[in-house]
């Protein structure tokens, strides 16, 4: 027994101890990965997944909320061994802890995916997935070769589509296992055989959906290279629409499902006829529209329109010429008035100083007929010589009888 004077030990409340445990667990176990077998798997009506992870000795409760399911590549089920990554969370009301899953993978799937990504990168570096090397599909294939399991759902889907569309195709089935050991080698061999014996105008490599392990033959290098070497155009239709295998990348065309592949190779004649009619109508409408535009343009070039348009076009220039001509005339007149005045003054000066004006007043100009020199003195002429006399009007020719100094 404790002595009377001993201090009482500190006691935690349930909430306090639960909070301490929660802080410890949630702080230490964040972003952890747990491997175990799924048990007690129970999807809720709200879309969340509740289950347990167990091994030989222990069980751990887990939940994966609906907003994290978009990255889930498979459907979980009891007995499946998985790797769950997430955080430990404590539910205080019940005093329990559980794993909140952020992602879920099948055990070993992470390493497998890394291996497949490495293989994809290596093949891509060789140019096997380049768009430039892909072949177009024939518009009207007469014979279609299919590499698939003869008892699988894929071939049944293809036969159903071909029957519905009544395409009249010859179908050659090259049987092969589509999963398991040896499937990849058989698929590749059938692809090469189809090319060797020219078994089809187009080749479909297909199977239905499945897990990653089921689809592994369509990731194998031997199958990828067989498709890359195929002279026959290849359609890859493996799994569901969300599945993308390496054969989808190397094939000339990828179909999301086997049924879609059958739709591609069995274009309905009626459908094609409708498409051709639509194209014909489109071309006719386009031509009519263009003819109408041309007719509208040509209507502007009738004689009346040409004259009117020419007048409309020329009129501003003609008006500008008229205005310029008037301005030139006015400017010329302004320049000529002072020039004409100066000319009149000069004319008057010339007339007043002209010897002819002197002759008008009764004077005459006498010149020697012999020399033509104007005589200013009687000494310049001898008697008996002839002189010319210039009057105001007319001339006289006279002989000198005598002269005076």
Foldseek 3Di string as FASTA:
>chain_A
DDDPPDDDDDDDDLLRVLVVVQCVQQVPFFFDKDKFFWDPWDQDPQGKIWTWGDDPPDIATEIEDRVQCVPAQDDDDGGFIKIFTGGWGADSVVRGIHGHGNDMGGVPVVVVVVVLVVLLVVVVVVVLLPLVLFDDADPAKQEEEEEEAPPAPLVVLLVVLCVVLVLNHHYHYQHFYQADPPRLVSSLVSLVVCQVVVRILEYEYEHEADHPRSRVSLSDPSNSVSQSPHPRQYEYAYYAQVDDHSNCSNGSHYDRHSNRVSCRNRPHPVNVVVVVVVVVVVVVVVVVVVVVVVVVVVVCVDPVNVVVVVCVVCVVVVVVVVVVVVVVVVVVVVVVVVVVVVVVVVVVVCCVPPVLVVLVVPDKWKAFPVPRHTDPAPVVDDAQGWIWIGHNPDIDIDGHHDDDD
